[in-house]
Amino acid sequence: GEGSSTDSLAGEVLQCLKKNLPKLDSRACQMEVQRVVKIHSVSAKADARLGNACSNDIVLLCDGVKADHVHMCLRNNIGRLSPACKAAELVQGAAEAGSI
């Protein structure tokens, strides 16, 4: 439906902002992206794009892991992740490193 394409577009925009966080000219924009990155660092499912890209990987590799430890589980299994999940997790990790 229309909502899912809007969510997908929002996910793409957020992914772009995360990738380019250090290049953002607006301090207010940087701060807002950093706020969202922190939320996403606690819960992988809060990031719709990462949640979609990694849903199978989470079930296969991180079943039973507490929500706030899913990123660590995915990173510990980085070599076993699907390409889309690996790419999304690397962007999240880089954004966390640049903002936390």
N, C-alpha and C. Protein backbone atom coordinates (compact mmCIF):
# COMPACT_ATOMS: atom_id res chain seq x y z
N GLY A 1 0.81 -1.19 0.00
CA GLY A 1 0.00 0.00 0.00
C GLY A 1 0.85 1.25 0.00
N GLU A 2 0.18 2.37 0.02
CA GLU A 2 0.87 3.66 -0.03
C GLU A 2 1.73 3.89 1.21
N GLY A 3 1.26 3.48 2.37
CA GLY A 3 2.01 3.65 3.61
C GLY A 3 3.36 2.96 3.56
N SER A 4 3.39 1.76 2.99
CA SER A 4 4.65 1.03 2.97
C SER A 4 5.66 1.69 2.04
N SER A 5 5.21 2.30 0.93
CA SER A 5 6.17 2.99 0.06
C SER A 5 6.66 4.27 0.73
N THR A 6 5.82 4.92 1.51
CA THR A 6 6.24 6.10 2.27
C THR A 6 7.26 5.69 3.32
N ASP A 7 7.01 4.58 4.02
CA ASP A 7 7.95 4.08 5.01
C ASP A 7 9.28 3.72 4.37
N SER A 8 9.22 3.11 3.19
CA SER A 8 10.43 2.72 2.48
C SER A 8 11.23 3.95 2.09
N LEU A 9 10.54 4.98 1.59
CA LEU A 9 11.23 6.22 1.22
C LEU A 9 11.86 6.86 2.45
N ALA A 10 11.14 6.90 3.56
CA ALA A 10 11.68 7.47 4.79
C ALA A 10 12.91 6.69 5.23
N GLY A 11 12.87 5.36 5.09
CA GLY A 11 14.01 4.53 5.44
C GLY A 11 15.22 4.83 4.56
N GLU A 12 14.98 5.05 3.27
CA GLU A 12 16.07 5.38 2.35
C GLU A 12 16.68 6.73 2.70
N VAL A 13 15.84 7.70 3.01
CA VAL A 13 16.34 9.04 3.38
C VAL A 13 17.16 8.95 4.66
N LEU A 14 16.66 8.23 5.65
CA LEU A 14 17.37 8.10 6.91
C LEU A 14 18.70 7.38 6.71
N GLN A 15 18.71 6.34 5.88
CA GLN A 15 19.95 5.62 5.59
C GLN A 15 20.98 6.58 4.96
N CYS A 16 20.52 7.42 4.05
CA CYS A 16 21.40 8.40 3.40
C CYS A 16 21.94 9.39 4.43
N LEU A 17 21.08 9.86 5.32
CA LEU A 17 21.52 10.79 6.35
C LEU A 17 22.53 10.15 7.28
N LYS A 18 22.31 8.88 7.65
CA LYS A 18 23.26 8.16 8.50
C LYS A 18 24.62 8.04 7.82
N LYS A 19 24.60 7.67 6.52
CA LYS A 19 25.86 7.50 5.78
C LYS A 19 26.64 8.81 5.69
N ASN A 20 25.92 9.92 5.62
CA ASN A 20 26.55 11.21 5.40
C ASN A 20 26.56 12.10 6.62
N LEU A 21 26.37 11.53 7.79
CA LEU A 21 26.29 12.30 9.03
C LEU A 21 27.42 13.32 9.19
N PRO A 22 28.68 12.94 9.00
CA PRO A 22 29.75 13.93 9.20
C PRO A 22 29.74 15.07 8.18
N LYS A 23 29.08 14.85 7.05
CA LYS A 23 29.06 15.86 5.98
C LYS A 23 27.90 16.83 6.09
N LEU A 24 26.95 16.57 6.99
CA LEU A 24 25.78 17.44 7.10
C LEU A 24 26.20 18.82 7.58
N ASP A 25 25.75 19.85 6.87
CA ASP A 25 26.13 21.22 7.19
C ASP A 25 25.37 21.77 8.40
N SER A 26 24.13 21.37 8.54
CA SER A 26 23.28 21.90 9.60
C SER A 26 23.54 21.17 10.91
N ARG A 27 23.93 21.91 11.94
CA ARG A 27 24.16 21.31 13.26
C ARG A 27 22.85 20.74 13.81
N ALA A 28 21.75 21.42 13.57
CA ALA A 28 20.45 20.93 14.04
C ALA A 28 20.10 19.60 13.36
N CYS A 29 20.40 19.48 12.08
CA CYS A 29 20.16 18.24 11.35
C CYS A 29 21.05 17.13 11.89
N GLN A 30 22.33 17.43 12.12
CA GLN A 30 23.25 16.44 12.69
C GLN A 30 22.74 15.94 14.04
N MET A 31 22.27 16.85 14.86
CA MET A 31 21.80 16.48 16.19
C MET A 31 20.56 15.59 16.12
N GLU A 32 19.67 15.88 15.18
CA GLU A 32 18.46 15.07 15.03
C GLU A 32 18.82 13.67 14.51
N VAL A 33 19.72 13.58 13.55
CA VAL A 33 20.14 12.27 13.05
C VAL A 33 20.83 11.49 14.17
N GLN A 34 21.65 12.16 14.97
CA GLN A 34 22.32 11.50 16.10
C GLN A 34 21.30 10.97 17.10
N ARG A 35 20.23 11.74 17.33
CA ARG A 35 19.17 11.30 18.24
C ARG A 35 18.52 10.02 17.72
N VAL A 36 18.23 9.98 16.43
CA VAL A 36 17.61 8.80 15.82
C VAL A 36 18.57 7.61 15.84
N VAL A 37 19.84 7.86 15.56
CA VAL A 37 20.85 6.80 15.59
C VAL A 37 20.90 6.16 16.98
N LYS A 38 20.82 6.97 18.02
CA LYS A 38 20.85 6.44 19.39
C LYS A 38 19.63 5.56 19.66
N ILE A 39 18.46 5.97 19.17
CA ILE A 39 17.25 5.16 19.33
C ILE A 39 17.44 3.83 18.60
N HIS A 40 17.95 3.90 17.38
CA HIS A 40 18.16 2.70 16.58
C HIS A 40 19.25 1.80 17.18
N SER A 41 20.18 2.38 17.91
CA SER A 41 21.24 1.57 18.51
C SER A 41 20.70 0.67 19.62
N VAL A 42 19.61 1.09 20.24
CA VAL A 42 19.00 0.30 21.30
C VAL A 42 18.10 -0.79 20.73
N SER A 43 17.40 -0.48 19.64
CA SER A 43 16.47 -1.45 19.06
C SER A 43 16.64 -1.51 17.55
N ALA A 44 17.11 -2.64 17.05
CA ALA A 44 17.28 -2.81 15.61
C ALA A 44 15.96 -2.66 14.87
N LYS A 45 14.87 -3.04 15.51
CA LYS A 45 13.56 -2.97 14.86
C LYS A 45 13.03 -1.55 14.75
N ALA A 46 13.63 -0.60 15.48
CA ALA A 46 13.22 0.79 15.38
C ALA A 46 13.58 1.37 14.00
N ASP A 47 14.60 0.80 13.38
CA ASP A 47 15.01 1.21 12.03
C ASP A 47 14.33 0.26 11.06
N ALA A 48 13.27 0.74 10.41
CA ALA A 48 12.47 -0.12 9.54
C ALA A 48 13.32 -0.75 8.43
N ARG A 49 14.24 0.00 7.87
CA ARG A 49 15.06 -0.52 6.77
C ARG A 49 15.97 -1.64 7.28
N LEU A 50 16.62 -1.42 8.39
CA LEU A 50 17.49 -2.46 8.95
C LEU A 50 16.65 -3.65 9.41
N GLY A 51 15.53 -3.38 10.03
CA GLY A 51 14.65 -4.47 10.48
C GLY A 51 14.20 -5.34 9.32
N ASN A 52 13.85 -4.71 8.20
CA ASN A 52 13.44 -5.49 7.02
C ASN A 52 14.62 -6.24 6.43
N ALA A 53 15.75 -5.58 6.31
CA ALA A 53 16.93 -6.20 5.70
C ALA A 53 17.45 -7.35 6.55
N CYS A 54 17.26 -7.26 7.86
CA CYS A 54 17.87 -8.23 8.77
C CYS A 54 16.88 -9.18 9.42
N SER A 55 15.62 -9.12 9.05
CA SER A 55 14.62 -9.93 9.76
C SER A 55 14.98 -11.42 9.74
N ASN A 56 15.37 -11.96 8.60
CA ASN A 56 15.74 -13.38 8.54
C ASN A 56 17.02 -13.65 9.32
N ASP A 57 18.00 -12.74 9.21
CA ASP A 57 19.26 -12.91 9.92
C ASP A 57 19.04 -12.91 11.44
N ILE A 58 18.15 -12.03 11.90
CA ILE A 58 17.86 -11.96 13.33
C ILE A 58 17.25 -13.27 13.81
N VAL A 59 16.31 -13.82 13.02
CA VAL A 59 15.68 -15.08 13.40
C VAL A 59 16.70 -16.21 13.39
N LEU A 60 17.53 -16.27 12.36
CA LEU A 60 18.49 -17.37 12.22
C LEU A 60 19.65 -17.29 13.20
N LEU A 61 20.16 -16.09 13.42
CA LEU A 61 21.41 -15.93 14.18
C LEU A 61 21.23 -15.39 15.59
N CYS A 62 20.13 -14.69 15.82
CA CYS A 62 19.99 -13.97 17.10
C CYS A 62 18.67 -14.28 17.80
N ASP A 63 18.09 -15.42 17.50
CA ASP A 63 16.84 -15.80 18.13
C ASP A 63 17.02 -15.87 19.64
N GLY A 64 16.13 -15.24 20.38
CA GLY A 64 16.20 -15.28 21.84
C GLY A 64 17.09 -14.21 22.44
N VAL A 65 17.77 -13.42 21.60
CA VAL A 65 18.64 -12.36 22.10
C VAL A 65 17.76 -11.17 22.50
N LYS A 66 18.06 -10.55 23.64
CA LYS A 66 17.31 -9.37 24.08
C LYS A 66 17.40 -8.28 23.01
N ALA A 67 16.33 -7.50 22.87
CA ALA A 67 16.24 -6.47 21.83
C ALA A 67 17.43 -5.52 21.87
N ASP A 68 17.90 -5.17 23.05
CA ASP A 68 19.00 -4.20 23.14
C ASP A 68 20.37 -4.84 22.88
N HIS A 69 20.39 -6.13 22.56
CA HIS A 69 21.65 -6.82 22.23
C HIS A 69 21.67 -7.35 20.79
N VAL A 70 20.62 -7.04 20.01
CA VAL A 70 20.53 -7.56 18.64
C VAL A 70 21.66 -7.02 17.78
N HIS A 71 21.96 -5.72 17.88
CA HIS A 71 23.05 -5.17 17.06
C HIS A 71 24.36 -5.89 17.36
N MET A 72 24.65 -6.12 18.63
CA MET A 72 25.89 -6.81 18.99
C MET A 72 25.90 -8.22 18.41
N CYS A 73 24.77 -8.90 18.47
CA CYS A 73 24.67 -10.24 17.91
C CYS A 73 24.93 -10.21 16.40
N LEU A 74 24.30 -9.27 15.71
CA LEU A 74 24.51 -9.16 14.27
C LEU A 74 25.97 -8.87 13.96
N ARG A 75 26.57 -7.97 14.71
CA ARG A 75 27.97 -7.61 14.47
C ARG A 75 28.90 -8.78 14.77
N ASN A 76 28.56 -9.57 15.77
CA ASN A 76 29.37 -10.75 16.08
C ASN A 76 29.27 -11.81 14.98
N ASN A 77 28.22 -11.72 14.16
CA ASN A 77 28.00 -12.66 13.06
C ASN A 77 28.13 -11.98 11.70
N ILE A 78 28.85 -10.88 11.64
CA ILE A 78 28.89 -10.04 10.43
C ILE A 78 29.23 -10.85 9.18
N GLY A 79 30.10 -11.82 9.28
CA GLY A 79 30.49 -12.62 8.13
C GLY A 79 29.42 -13.58 7.65
N ARG A 80 28.40 -13.80 8.46
CA ARG A 80 27.32 -14.73 8.11
C ARG A 80 26.04 -14.01 7.69
N LEU A 81 26.03 -12.67 7.75
CA LEU A 81 24.82 -11.91 7.43
C LEU A 81 24.56 -11.89 5.93
N SER A 82 23.28 -11.74 5.58
CA SER A 82 22.92 -11.52 4.18
C SER A 82 23.53 -10.19 3.74
N PRO A 83 23.79 -10.02 2.46
CA PRO A 83 24.42 -8.77 2.00
C PRO A 83 23.65 -7.50 2.40
N ALA A 84 22.32 -7.53 2.29
CA ALA A 84 21.53 -6.34 2.64
C ALA A 84 21.62 -6.03 4.13
N CYS A 85 21.58 -7.06 4.95
CA CYS A 85 21.67 -6.88 6.39
C CYS A 85 23.06 -6.37 6.77
N LYS A 86 24.08 -6.96 6.19
CA LYS A 86 25.45 -6.54 6.48
C LYS A 86 25.63 -5.07 6.14
N ALA A 87 25.15 -4.65 4.98
CA ALA A 87 25.27 -3.24 4.57
C ALA A 87 24.54 -2.32 5.55
N ALA A 88 23.32 -2.69 5.93
CA ALA A 88 22.55 -1.86 6.86
C ALA A 88 23.20 -1.81 8.23
N GLU A 89 23.73 -2.92 8.70
CA GLU A 89 24.37 -2.96 10.02
C GLU A 89 25.67 -2.17 10.02
N LEU A 90 26.42 -2.21 8.93
CA LEU A 90 27.65 -1.43 8.84
C LEU A 90 27.37 0.06 8.85
N VAL A 91 26.30 0.48 8.17
CA VAL A 91 25.91 1.90 8.19
C VAL A 91 25.52 2.32 9.60
N GLN A 92 24.72 1.48 10.27
CA GLN A 92 24.30 1.80 11.65
C GLN A 92 25.52 1.88 12.56
N GLY A 93 26.43 0.92 12.45
CA GLY A 93 27.63 0.93 13.28
C GLY A 93 28.48 2.16 13.06
N ALA A 94 28.65 2.53 11.79
CA ALA A 94 29.44 3.73 11.48
C ALA A 94 28.77 4.98 12.02
N ALA A 95 27.45 5.04 11.91
CA ALA A 95 26.71 6.20 12.43
C ALA A 95 26.83 6.26 13.94
N GLU A 96 26.76 5.12 14.61
CA GLU A 96 26.93 5.09 16.06
C GLU A 96 28.33 5.57 16.44
N ALA A 97 29.31 5.09 15.74
CA ALA A 97 30.71 5.47 16.05
C ALA A 97 30.92 6.97 15.88
N GLY A 98 30.20 7.55 14.94
CA GLY A 98 30.37 8.98 14.68
C GLY A 98 29.51 9.87 15.56
N SER A 99 28.56 9.27 16.31
CA SER A 99 27.64 10.13 17.04
C SER A 99 27.56 9.85 18.53
N ILE A 100 28.07 8.72 18.98
CA ILE A 100 27.91 8.39 20.41
C ILE A 100 29.21 8.64 21.14
